[in-house]
Each structure stands twice: as structure tokens, then as C-alpha cells.
């Protein structure tokens, strides 16, 4: 594939707005991280490198995607230059403007003495700048959520949170017009030996998958991006799903919620939270806001991690995948998608076009809990999801799924059989918990021992009963 040429015959590269000004990166590998590009090629070193894996937030920048007006905080260490094509990028250097007046967030950080060594400060500033663009005065929960992906080792969070309150309270969102017009994303780029493909239709994506069987399929890149940031490995051909129209759709119908394969966690969260509050709570603990703004629901499934947070929830909710390939689409329950450790039923030429989650029937109870050493930014030791239907005090239907208990996310079928038809009581849950040993043989690792995992899984059944019973008691008292 020949490199695309401009009307003047000049080779074209990735085009985007950098701090409000039209910018082009004509000679960098599209899968170079934005962090490496900023600190190296662009000479903008305010964005810092800490962990280079999306955990510390020192590299936080803000991106406005093509066709959107929403500024989203992202980790520059995992975001690639190719993903910037047609977007607007704001770094800490761009906040002061031409008159070099500190942005309200920067001024608040100064006034509240919210910086000591200063290494992490640019990342905090950019996370809060993106929060301020949401045009609402955030409460403390929103501030804490916005800062959950930013690590401070010396100042302490109290003055930073106070700076957030001050900055968002005293300043409206920015509404200035950039100097340049955001260019449309290019469907293909060839820079050196690297090819970047960004199809806009599902048919085009499937054609490219057939033509480039060796290509790396990139959705959000929050997991696969580690090979760019840590290993400095770059695929010869990368196919981005970010602009595929059919996979960008998020649609609610009377029967189901349809989540396109390129829809991010942040985009899907409000609809999921409204229909299934427990699922929303799990999604809010998915990485940090910087990660959720980029990671996709489909990518979390295709990753096939045995400790992925979303798979057990979707299995318990009886969700299905629409897998698109050259011969059309086929539907597959999420529970049948995982074949073995890090292996799925996805064919070489197939993609996850969408996820369909059935609407909960009246009387359906759904709960999910993530067990980890930290509340934020931590990998699960165990994640359990439960969907139960009760009638006249009996359990008439039960679906239980766990992550962290086997080589793949899996249903607890023996435990389900031990519960269906039984009386809804704590003793029933305790008795059924003994079946966990027939369902799972977990491993010992640095996160938890096998015995701990089995005990926790059984205890979550008791937690389910107590949580539901507690809600019922409140409703009776209020009535």
C-alpha cells in the first residue's frame, strides 16, 4: 500500500489539533504512544512518564474525538498517535493560552498548596481540566472518581481535592475556538513500513481482516497498548475499530441494550447503570476514568482474561455476542465465548460487532461484587455476579458467574442446581456454598490463595441474601 499523498504530492501523516493548532506527524509510527511523541518528537515534556502502563496518571492528557465535543482524560502512555488522527489533543502546555495566564485548575493547585515535588501535578491538572469541561459543579464523589487514576506520593489528596472544588466552582468550562479545524480521520496511513487502517464501515473492516490476517486489531488499546509502551513492539499492520459506524452504536430497545463493539466503558456506563445498578457499580471500578474513556466493552471480552470484570456480569445477565464475519453474523452467548485460558470462540476473520444484554424481567434481582485489595485501580481476586428470580419465597431461577476462579470466567452450575427450587433463606445460601468446590478448582497466586477464593465465593452467596433482605426490610418499613 502506497502512502497517501496530499494535493501537493507530499506524504501525509497523522493529523490532529495540538493545543488548538493544526498539527501533523508525518514520520512517526502510528502505534507510537502519545507520551513518547509528546516528550520526544513534539518537545512537550510537561506530560510525565511514570509507570507507562496506565496506573499512575502522570501522563494524563485530554482528547476530543472526531465528531464529539467531550474532552476526555486519557493516559498518553497507552493512547497511540494513530488514534489521534482527526482529534483534538490538549496537554498541560496548552492550558495557559497565548497570554500565559494560568488556567483556573492550575491557579487552584497553586492557591491550595496542592503540589510538592510536582512530578504528578501535570497529570492531576489535566484530569481536573477534563472534569471541569463537563459543565456541572461536581460533588466530592465525582471529584474522587476523576482523580482515582492519578497517583500522588508526597502532597496528599486533601489539598488536591480542595483545588478541584475551587477550580470547578469558580470557573466555567472552556469554550474557546481552536485555531484549526479538526480534520476528518484518514482511512489508511502508510508511514515507513507501518500501515494504519481505520475503516468506517463494518463491511470495510471485515474486508481488511481478510486481506491482512496478520494485522493487529486495535479497539481501545488499554491492554494491547502495553506492547507499545513497555516492549516497544509495533505491528506491521494495525486496524483500528474506533470509527466503524455500526460498532459505535449504543441502542436501547424494549428487549435489550445493544452495545457496539467500539463503544467505550464510559459511553456504555450510564445506560448499564440505569438498567442494572450493580453492573454500573462494577463498571465504575473498571480501571480509572482515563482507562474507561478508551477501553471498550468488547475489548474487555476479547482480551479473555480470567479476571476480567465484565464477563461474569454479562454471563449472569445472559448476554449474547453478535460476531460478524465474511459469511455474515452469528449470535453466541457470552458464557460460550471463552474456550480456554486467553482463547475465545472468535474466528480469525470475525469481530465482536455488538453485545446484547436482555432487559431484566420484573422481579429479577441482579448483584455483582468485586473482591480486591484496593477499591480503585486493582485487579480482582474474585468477582461474582448473581441473577436470581424469586416467587412465593422460592428460588425459581438462578444464574451465577465468577471470574478469578478458573482459567476462564465461568458459571457455577452445580451451585445453581443446589439453589433452584429451594427456599430463599440464609441457610439455603450457606448450604449451597458447599457446592463451590464442585464447580471450581482455583489456583494459588499473589492475589489470593485457592482456599481464600473458595471461601469468598461461598460467602458472596450469603452476602447476596443479606443485601436483598436488607433492601426488602427498608421497603417494608417505608411502606
Protein backbone atom coordinates (compact mmCIF):
# COMPACT_ATOMS: atom_id res chain seq x y z
CA UNK A 1 0.00 0.00 0.00
CA UNK A 2 1.46 3.32 -1.04
CA UNK A 3 1.50 6.20 1.46
CA UNK A 4 -1.35 8.69 0.95
CA UNK A 5 -0.34 11.96 -0.70
CA UNK A 6 -1.62 15.48 -0.26
CA UNK A 7 -2.63 17.59 -3.25
CA UNK A 8 0.92 18.90 -3.39
CA UNK A 9 2.32 15.38 -3.62
CA UNK A 10 3.69 15.46 -0.07
CA UNK A 11 3.41 12.34 2.08
CA UNK A 12 0.74 12.77 4.74
CA UNK A 13 0.88 11.63 8.32
CA UNK A 14 -1.39 11.66 11.34
CA UNK A 15 -3.28 14.98 11.53
CA UNK A 16 -4.82 16.46 14.64
CA UNK A 17 -5.16 19.66 16.65
CA UNK A 18 -2.44 20.04 19.26
CA UNK A 19 -3.35 22.60 21.90
CA UNK A 20 -5.72 24.29 19.47
CA UNK A 21 -3.40 24.44 16.46
CA UNK A 22 -3.41 22.21 13.38
CA UNK A 23 -0.60 19.68 13.68
CA UNK A 24 0.78 16.84 11.59
CA UNK A 25 3.03 13.91 12.49
CA UNK A 26 4.23 12.72 9.07
CA UNK A 27 7.04 10.36 10.01
CA UNK A 28 6.20 8.56 13.25
CA UNK A 29 4.93 5.01 13.57
CA UNK A 30 1.16 5.28 14.16
CA UNK A 31 1.38 2.95 17.13
CA UNK A 32 3.93 5.13 18.90
CA UNK A 33 2.42 6.22 22.19
CA UNK A 34 1.25 9.80 22.52
CA UNK A 35 3.52 10.09 25.55
CA UNK A 36 6.62 9.18 23.55
CA UNK A 37 5.56 11.53 20.76
CA UNK A 38 4.97 14.49 23.07
CA UNK A 39 8.18 14.12 25.06
CA UNK A 40 10.31 13.25 22.05
CA UNK A 41 9.13 14.46 18.66
CA UNK A 42 6.98 17.38 19.86
CA UNK A 43 9.28 18.55 22.66
CA UNK A 44 6.38 18.96 25.10
CA UNK A 45 7.74 17.49 28.30
CA UNK A 46 5.12 18.74 30.75
CA UNK A 47 3.39 15.38 30.30
CA UNK A 48 5.33 12.99 32.55
CA UNK A 49 6.18 9.32 32.32
CA UNK A 50 5.60 7.33 35.49
CA UNK A 51 4.51 3.72 35.17
CA UNK A 52 3.97 3.63 31.37
CA UNK A 53 1.06 1.23 31.89
CA UNK A 54 -1.93 3.43 32.74
CA UNK A 55 -1.81 3.17 36.53
CA UNK A 56 -0.30 6.40 37.85
CA UNK A 57 -1.90 9.15 35.73
CA UNK A 58 1.27 11.24 35.43
CA UNK A 59 0.85 11.19 31.65
CA UNK A 60 -2.82 12.30 31.61
CA UNK A 61 -3.85 14.42 28.62
CA UNK A 62 -7.28 15.35 27.26
CA UNK A 63 -8.66 14.23 23.90
CA UNK A 64 -11.74 15.36 21.99
CA UNK A 65 -12.51 12.67 19.43
CA UNK A 66 -13.63 13.49 15.91
CA UNK A 67 -17.35 14.20 15.85
CA UNK A 68 -17.50 14.78 19.60
CA UNK A 69 -17.37 17.86 21.81
CA UNK A 70 -16.49 15.99 25.01
CA UNK A 71 -12.97 16.39 26.42
CA UNK A 72 -11.89 13.07 27.90
CA UNK A 73 -8.91 12.42 30.13
CA UNK A 74 -6.75 9.59 28.73
CA UNK A 75 -3.40 8.01 29.53
CA UNK A 76 -0.89 9.22 26.96
CA UNK A 77 1.29 6.18 27.72
CA UNK A 78 -1.33 3.84 26.23
CA UNK A 79 -3.02 6.07 23.63
CA UNK A 80 -1.38 5.91 20.22
CA UNK A 81 -0.61 8.68 17.75
CA UNK A 82 -2.78 6.90 15.17
CA UNK A 83 -5.78 7.21 17.47
CA UNK A 84 -5.28 10.99 17.42
CA UNK A 85 -5.97 11.24 13.69
CA UNK A 86 -8.84 13.71 13.31
CA UNK A 87 -8.97 14.50 17.02
CA UNK A 88 -8.09 17.39 19.32
CA UNK A 89 -5.31 16.89 21.87
CA UNK A 90 -4.83 19.17 24.86
CA UNK A 91 -1.70 18.96 27.03
CA UNK A 92 -0.76 20.89 30.14
CA UNK A 93 1.24 23.32 28.00
CA UNK A 94 -1.91 24.34 26.14
CA UNK A 95 -3.95 25.41 29.16
CA UNK A 96 -2.40 28.83 29.72
CA UNK A 97 -3.15 30.16 26.25
CA UNK A 98 -1.24 32.88 24.46
CA UNK A 99 -1.29 35.30 27.40
CA UNK A 100 0.22 32.62 29.67
CA UNK A 101 -2.41 33.24 32.33
CA UNK A 102 -2.73 30.14 34.50
CA UNK A 103 -5.81 28.05 33.86
CA UNK A 104 -8.26 28.05 36.79
CA UNK A 105 -7.20 24.50 37.62
CA UNK A 106 -3.53 25.47 37.66
CA UNK A 107 -4.28 28.53 39.79
CA UNK A 108 -6.32 26.44 42.23
CA UNK A 109 -3.47 23.95 42.58
CA UNK A 110 -1.20 26.86 43.47
CA UNK A 111 -3.65 28.56 45.85
CA UNK A 112 -4.46 25.34 47.70
CA UNK A 113 -0.78 24.30 48.02
CA UNK A 114 -1.66 21.11 46.18
CA UNK A 115 1.80 20.35 44.82
CA UNK A 116 5.11 19.44 46.43
CA UNK A 117 7.58 17.63 44.18
CA UNK A 118 5.35 18.49 41.20
CA UNK A 119 6.05 15.37 39.14
CA UNK A 120 2.44 14.19 39.26
CA UNK A 121 0.93 17.69 39.11
CA UNK A 122 0.51 18.00 35.31
CA UNK A 123 -1.47 14.75 35.30
CA UNK A 124 -3.72 15.95 38.12
CA UNK A 125 -4.23 19.27 36.35
CA UNK A 126 -5.28 17.58 33.12
CA UNK A 127 -7.64 15.14 34.89
CA UNK A 128 -9.31 18.07 36.64
CA UNK A 129 -9.35 20.20 33.49
CA UNK A 130 -11.28 17.41 31.73
CA UNK A 131 -13.65 17.19 34.70
CA UNK A 132 -14.26 20.95 34.55
CA UNK A 133 -15.28 20.68 30.90
CA UNK A 134 -18.34 18.65 31.88
CA UNK A 135 -20.04 21.97 32.74
CA UNK A 136 -21.51 20.78 36.02
CA UNK A 137 -20.29 21.51 39.53
CA UNK A 138 -19.02 18.09 40.65
CA UNK A 139 -19.66 16.72 44.11
CA UNK A 140 -16.91 15.05 46.10
CA UNK A 141 -17.76 11.61 44.71
CA UNK A 142 -17.30 12.89 41.16
CA UNK A 143 -14.01 14.55 42.11
CA UNK A 144 -12.70 11.40 43.77
CA UNK A 145 -13.72 9.35 40.74
CA UNK A 146 -11.98 11.77 38.39
CA UNK A 147 -8.78 11.54 40.46
CA UNK A 148 -8.83 7.77 41.07
CA UNK A 149 -6.38 7.24 38.20
CA UNK A 150 -3.85 9.81 39.43
CA UNK A 151 -1.24 8.80 41.99
CA UNK A 152 0.21 11.31 44.47
CA UNK A 153 3.14 10.18 46.62
CA UNK A 154 4.04 13.32 48.55
CA UNK A 155 1.44 16.10 48.69
CA UNK A 156 -1.58 14.14 49.88
CA UNK A 157 -5.02 14.24 48.32
CA UNK A 158 -6.80 16.67 50.66
CA UNK A 159 -5.35 19.87 49.12
CA UNK A 160 -5.76 18.41 45.62
CA UNK A 161 -9.44 17.70 46.23
CA UNK A 162 -9.84 21.23 47.62
CA UNK A 163 -8.18 22.58 44.47
CA UNK A 164 -10.69 20.58 42.43
CA UNK A 165 -13.60 22.10 44.34
CA UNK A 166 -12.21 25.60 43.88
CA UNK A 167 -11.39 25.24 40.18
CA UNK A 168 -14.74 23.74 39.22
CA UNK A 169 -16.69 26.16 41.41
CA UNK A 170 -15.05 29.36 40.21
CA UNK A 171 -14.57 28.73 36.51
CA UNK A 172 -16.93 27.80 33.68
CA UNK A 173 -15.86 25.22 31.09
CA UNK A 174 -13.63 26.44 28.29
CA UNK A 175 -15.47 27.38 25.12
CA UNK A 176 -12.69 28.97 23.07
CA UNK A 177 -12.46 28.15 19.37
CA UNK A 178 -9.29 26.31 18.28
CA UNK A 179 -7.11 27.86 15.59
CA UNK A 180 -7.55 24.89 13.30
CA UNK A 181 -10.46 22.81 12.05
CA UNK A 182 -10.47 19.21 13.18
CA UNK A 183 -9.61 17.14 10.07
CA UNK A 184 -11.55 14.01 9.23
CA UNK A 185 -9.80 10.76 10.22
CA UNK A 186 -7.98 9.08 7.37
CA UNK A 187 -8.96 5.54 6.49
CA UNK A 188 -5.39 4.49 5.71
CA UNK A 189 -1.89 5.64 6.50
CA UNK A 190 1.41 4.10 5.47
CA UNK A 191 4.39 5.53 7.31
CA UNK A 192 7.64 3.77 6.63
CA UNK A 193 6.90 0.06 6.93
CA UNK A 194 3.94 0.60 9.25
CA UNK A 195 0.37 0.58 7.94
CA UNK A 196 -2.53 2.07 9.91
CA UNK A 197 -6.05 1.27 8.74
CA UNK A 198 -9.17 2.95 10.16
CA UNK A 199 -12.27 1.71 8.29
CA UNK A 200 -15.60 3.47 8.79
CA UNK A 201 -17.97 0.61 7.94
CA UNK A 202 -18.26 -2.94 9.23
CA UNK A 203 -18.00 -4.35 5.70
CA UNK A 204 -14.75 -2.46 5.15
CA UNK A 205 -13.40 -3.75 8.47
CA UNK A 206 -14.20 -7.36 7.57
CA UNK A 207 -12.60 -6.94 4.14
CA UNK A 208 -9.43 -5.64 5.77
CA UNK A 209 -9.45 -8.54 8.25
CA UNK A 210 -9.49 -10.97 5.33
CA UNK A 211 -6.77 -9.09 3.44
CA UNK A 212 -4.48 -8.64 6.46
CA UNK A 213 -4.79 -11.81 8.52
CA UNK A 214 -1.67 -10.88 10.48
CA UNK A 215 -2.93 -7.41 11.42
CA UNK A 216 -3.33 -6.24 15.00
CA UNK A 217 -6.96 -5.31 15.74
CA UNK A 218 -6.98 -2.25 17.99
CA UNK A 219 -10.08 -1.12 19.86
CA UNK A 220 -9.17 0.93 22.93
CA UNK A 221 -5.67 -0.46 23.35
CA UNK A 222 -5.58 -0.19 27.14
CA UNK A 223 -4.27 -3.76 27.32
CA UNK A 224 -2.55 -4.33 23.99
CA UNK A 225 -1.04 -0.85 24.33
CA UNK A 226 1.46 -2.27 26.79
CA UNK A 227 3.35 -3.84 23.89
CA UNK A 228 3.86 -0.32 22.51
CA UNK A 229 4.73 1.41 25.78
CA UNK A 230 6.70 -1.28 27.63
CA UNK A 231 8.01 -3.62 24.96
CA UNK A 232 8.38 -1.08 22.10
CA UNK A 233 6.85 -3.65 19.75
CA UNK A 234 4.83 -2.37 16.78
CA UNK A 235 2.76 -4.43 14.37
CA UNK A 236 3.38 -4.05 10.65
CA UNK A 237 -0.37 -3.57 10.09
CA UNK A 238 -2.81 -2.17 12.64
CA UNK A 239 -6.56 -2.00 12.09
CA UNK A 240 -8.44 0.43 14.33
CA UNK A 241 -12.14 -0.16 15.05
CA UNK A 242 -12.71 3.30 16.56
CA UNK A 243 -14.52 4.80 13.55
CA UNK A 244 -16.63 1.83 12.40
CA UNK A 245 -20.12 3.32 12.37
CA UNK A 246 -22.03 0.12 13.11
CA UNK A 247 -19.73 -0.66 16.05
CA UNK A 248 -20.09 2.84 17.52
CA UNK A 249 -23.84 2.45 18.08
CA UNK A 250 -25.31 2.28 21.57
CA UNK A 251 -29.00 1.46 21.27
CA UNK A 252 -31.73 0.74 23.79
CA UNK A 253 -34.76 -1.31 22.75
CA UNK A 254 -37.66 -2.67 24.84
CA UNK A 255 -35.95 -6.08 24.91
CA UNK A 256 -32.25 -5.35 25.24
CA UNK A 257 -29.37 -2.92 25.44
CA UNK A 258 -27.19 -3.12 22.31
CA UNK A 259 -23.56 -2.08 22.84
CA UNK A 260 -21.46 -1.74 19.70
CA UNK A 261 -18.04 -3.35 19.58
CA UNK A 262 -16.27 0.04 19.58
CA UNK A 263 -18.33 1.62 22.39
CA UNK A 264 -16.20 2.56 25.39
CA UNK A 265 -16.85 1.69 29.02
CA UNK A 266 -17.57 5.36 29.79
CA UNK A 267 -20.09 5.59 26.95
CA UNK A 268 -21.93 2.41 27.96
CA UNK A 269 -21.87 3.10 31.70
CA UNK A 270 -24.94 5.41 32.06
CA UNK A 271 -27.30 3.03 30.24
CA UNK A 272 -25.91 -0.02 32.07
CA UNK A 273 -26.13 1.73 35.42
CA UNK A 274 -29.74 2.73 34.84
CA UNK A 275 -30.84 -0.79 33.91
CA UNK A 276 -28.59 -2.71 36.29
CA UNK A 277 -27.18 -0.53 39.11
CA UNK A 278 -24.88 -3.31 40.30
CA UNK A 279 -23.33 -3.55 36.82
CA UNK A 280 -22.80 0.20 36.83
CA UNK A 281 -21.01 -0.07 40.18
CA UNK A 282 -18.65 -2.69 38.74
CA UNK A 283 -18.00 -0.56 35.67
CA UNK A 284 -17.12 2.46 37.82
CA UNK A 285 -14.35 0.36 39.37
CA UNK A 286 -13.06 -0.68 35.95
CA UNK A 287 -9.57 0.83 35.89
CA UNK A 288 -9.69 4.60 36.16
CA UNK A 289 -11.67 7.22 34.27
CA UNK A 290 -8.69 7.56 31.92
CA UNK A 291 -8.93 3.85 31.15
CA UNK A 292 -12.73 3.75 30.90
CA UNK A 293 -12.67 6.63 28.42
CA UNK A 294 -10.70 4.45 26.00
CA UNK A 295 -11.32 0.78 26.84
CA UNK A 296 -14.26 -0.90 25.10
CA UNK A 297 -16.75 -3.42 26.44
CA UNK A 298 -15.97 -5.75 23.53
CA UNK A 299 -12.24 -5.41 24.12
CA UNK A 300 -12.60 -6.49 27.73
CA UNK A 301 -14.25 -9.69 26.49
CA UNK A 302 -11.90 -10.33 23.55
CA UNK A 303 -8.97 -9.95 25.96
CA UNK A 304 -10.23 -13.23 27.51
CA UNK A 305 -8.69 -12.56 30.89
CA UNK A 306 -9.92 -14.98 33.58
CA UNK A 307 -10.23 -11.99 35.93
CA UNK A 308 -11.92 -9.57 33.53
CA UNK A 309 -14.56 -7.60 35.40
CA UNK A 310 -17.34 -7.55 32.81
CA UNK A 311 -17.50 -11.16 31.63
CA UNK A 312 -19.05 -12.67 34.81
CA UNK A 313 -21.64 -9.88 34.92
CA UNK A 314 -22.64 -10.39 31.30
CA UNK A 315 -22.76 -14.16 31.77
CA UNK A 316 -25.08 -13.83 34.75
CA UNK A 317 -27.26 -11.44 32.76
CA UNK A 318 -27.48 -13.98 29.89
CA UNK A 319 -25.92 -11.55 27.40
CA UNK A 320 -25.12 -12.55 23.83
CA UNK A 321 -22.49 -11.50 21.31
CA UNK A 322 -23.13 -10.77 17.66
CA UNK A 323 -19.99 -11.96 15.88
CA UNK A 324 -19.57 -10.60 12.35
CA UNK A 325 -17.51 -12.39 9.71
CA UNK A 326 -17.27 -12.77 5.95
CA UNK A 327 -20.23 -15.17 5.94
CA UNK A 328 -22.50 -12.88 7.94
CA UNK A 329 -23.28 -12.66 11.64
CA UNK A 330 -23.81 -15.33 14.27
CA UNK A 331 -25.01 -14.99 17.84
CA UNK A 332 -23.19 -16.61 20.75
CA UNK A 333 -23.94 -16.50 24.48
CA UNK A 334 -21.14 -14.82 26.40
CA UNK A 335 -20.72 -17.97 28.50
CA UNK A 336 -19.80 -19.93 25.36
CA UNK A 337 -17.30 -17.35 24.13
CA UNK A 338 -14.41 -18.42 26.38
CA UNK A 339 -12.77 -21.68 25.29
CA UNK A 340 -9.56 -21.86 27.35
CA UNK A 341 -7.08 -19.56 29.02
CA UNK A 342 -6.82 -16.47 26.77
CA UNK A 343 -8.65 -18.30 23.97
CA UNK A 344 -12.09 -17.46 22.62
CA UNK A 345 -14.54 -18.74 20.02
CA UNK A 346 -13.86 -15.69 17.83
CA UNK A 347 -12.79 -16.76 14.35
CA UNK A 348 -9.68 -15.33 12.69
CA UNK A 349 -11.79 -13.19 10.35
CA UNK A 350 -14.52 -12.31 12.87
CA UNK A 351 -15.07 -9.31 15.11
CA UNK A 352 -17.42 -8.61 18.02
CA UNK A 353 -19.95 -6.38 16.27
CA UNK A 354 -22.11 -5.80 19.35
CA UNK A 355 -23.09 -7.09 22.77
CA UNK A 356 -26.78 -7.58 23.59
CA UNK A 357 -27.89 -7.58 27.22
CA UNK A 358 -31.53 -8.63 27.76
CA UNK A 359 -33.71 -6.27 29.76
CA UNK A 360 -34.37 -7.58 33.27
CA UNK A 361 -37.85 -9.04 33.74
CA UNK A 362 -39.95 -7.77 36.61
CA UNK A 363 -38.85 -9.29 39.88
CA UNK A 364 -35.34 -10.10 38.67
CA UNK A 365 -32.59 -9.40 41.17
CA UNK A 366 -29.04 -8.74 40.00
CA UNK A 367 -25.99 -8.18 42.16
CA UNK A 368 -22.24 -8.23 41.48
CA UNK A 369 -19.22 -7.72 43.72
CA UNK A 370 -15.54 -7.31 43.01
CA UNK A 371 -13.12 -8.50 45.70
CA UNK A 372 -9.69 -6.90 45.52
CA UNK A 373 -7.05 -5.49 47.84
CA UNK A 374 -7.79 -1.90 46.80
CA UNK A 375 -11.11 -0.34 45.85
CA UNK A 376 -9.71 1.57 42.87
CA UNK A 377 -7.22 0.58 40.20
CA UNK A 378 -6.82 -3.04 41.25
CA UNK A 379 -7.11 -6.47 39.70
CA UNK A 380 -9.84 -8.74 41.05
CA UNK A 381 -9.03 -11.69 43.25
CA UNK A 382 -12.64 -12.83 42.79
CA UNK A 383 -15.58 -11.24 41.03
CA UNK A 384 -19.02 -12.76 41.46
CA UNK A 385 -22.26 -11.93 39.63
CA UNK A 386 -25.71 -13.21 40.56
CA UNK A 387 -29.10 -13.05 38.86
CA UNK A 388 -32.00 -14.53 40.82
CA UNK A 389 -35.75 -14.72 40.31
CA UNK A 390 -37.92 -15.35 43.37
CA UNK A 391 -41.55 -16.44 43.52
CA UNK A 392 -43.54 -17.08 46.70
CA UNK A 393 -40.36 -17.36 48.73
CA UNK A 394 -38.74 -19.89 46.39
CA UNK A 395 -35.76 -19.54 44.07
CA UNK A 396 -37.22 -20.28 40.62
CA UNK A 397 -34.18 -19.21 38.55
CA UNK A 398 -30.56 -18.52 39.41
CA UNK A 399 -27.53 -17.65 37.28
CA UNK A 400 -24.16 -17.36 38.99
CA UNK A 401 -20.87 -16.50 37.27
CA UNK A 402 -17.38 -15.91 38.63
CA UNK A 403 -14.08 -14.51 37.48
CA UNK A 404 -10.80 -15.40 39.16
CA UNK A 405 -11.95 -18.93 40.00
CA UNK A 406 -10.79 -20.76 36.87
CA UNK A 407 -8.78 -20.35 33.67
CA UNK A 408 -11.81 -18.66 32.14
CA UNK A 409 -14.82 -16.77 33.52
CA UNK A 410 -17.41 -19.46 34.22
CA UNK A 411 -20.88 -20.28 35.50
CA UNK A 412 -21.25 -22.03 38.87
CA UNK A 413 -23.62 -24.67 37.52
CA UNK A 414 -23.50 -27.07 40.47
CA UNK A 415 -24.19 -24.22 42.86
CA UNK A 416 -27.09 -23.04 40.71
CA UNK A 417 -28.62 -26.54 40.78
CA UNK A 418 -28.24 -26.60 44.55
CA UNK A 419 -30.31 -23.40 44.80
CA UNK A 420 -33.13 -23.62 42.24
CA UNK A 421 -36.35 -24.76 43.87
CA UNK A 422 -35.09 -24.10 47.37
CA UNK A 423 -36.46 -21.69 49.95
CA UNK A 424 -34.95 -18.19 49.85
CA UNK A 425 -33.04 -18.08 53.16
CA UNK A 426 -29.56 -17.57 54.54
CA UNK A 427 -29.32 -21.25 55.48
CA UNK A 428 -30.08 -22.20 51.89
CA UNK A 429 -27.24 -19.97 50.72
CA UNK A 430 -24.83 -21.42 53.25
CA UNK A 431 -25.71 -24.97 52.22
CA UNK A 432 -25.33 -24.16 48.51
CA UNK A 433 -21.94 -22.58 49.14
CA UNK A 434 -20.50 -26.05 49.70
CA UNK A 435 -21.12 -26.82 46.03
CA UNK A 436 -18.49 -24.25 45.02
CA UNK A 437 -15.80 -26.91 45.40
CA UNK A 438 -17.54 -28.99 42.73
CA UNK A 439 -17.70 -26.01 40.38
CA UNK A 440 -14.18 -24.63 40.72
CA UNK A 441 -10.58 -25.58 41.48
CA UNK A 442 -8.93 -22.15 41.70
CA UNK A 443 -5.19 -21.61 41.80
CA UNK A 444 -2.95 -20.00 44.38
CA UNK A 445 -1.27 -16.82 43.20
CA UNK A 446 -0.06 -13.47 44.52
CA UNK A 447 -3.58 -12.07 44.68
CA UNK A 448 -5.22 -14.84 46.71
CA UNK A 449 -4.97 -18.47 47.70
CA UNK A 450 -7.29 -21.16 46.34
CA UNK A 451 -8.84 -21.65 49.79
CA UNK A 452 -9.50 -17.92 50.12
CA UNK A 453 -11.17 -17.77 46.73
CA UNK A 454 -13.49 -20.68 47.53
CA UNK A 455 -14.39 -19.18 50.89
CA UNK A 456 -15.07 -15.76 49.37
CA UNK A 457 -17.21 -17.23 46.58
CA UNK A 458 -19.35 -19.10 49.11
CA UNK A 459 -19.61 -16.05 51.35
CA UNK A 460 -20.85 -13.93 48.44
CA UNK A 461 -23.97 -16.10 48.36
CA UNK A 462 -24.66 -15.12 51.96
CA UNK A 463 -23.93 -11.50 51.07
CA UNK A 464 -26.45 -11.76 48.24
CA UNK A 465 -29.18 -12.92 50.60
CA UNK A 466 -28.41 -10.30 53.25
CA UNK A 467 -28.17 -7.50 50.70
CA UNK A 468 -31.55 -8.35 49.15
CA UNK A 469 -33.18 -8.95 52.52
CA UNK A 470 -31.90 -5.63 53.79
CA UNK A 471 -33.49 -3.82 50.85
CA UNK A 472 -36.79 -5.59 51.40
CA UNK A 473 -36.79 -4.62 55.08
CA UNK A 474 -36.28 -0.95 54.17
CA UNK A 475 -39.14 -1.05 51.70
CA UNK A 476 -41.49 -2.62 54.27
CA UNK A 477 -40.56 -0.06 56.90
CA UNK A 478 -41.09 2.83 54.50
CA UNK A 479 -44.46 1.45 53.42
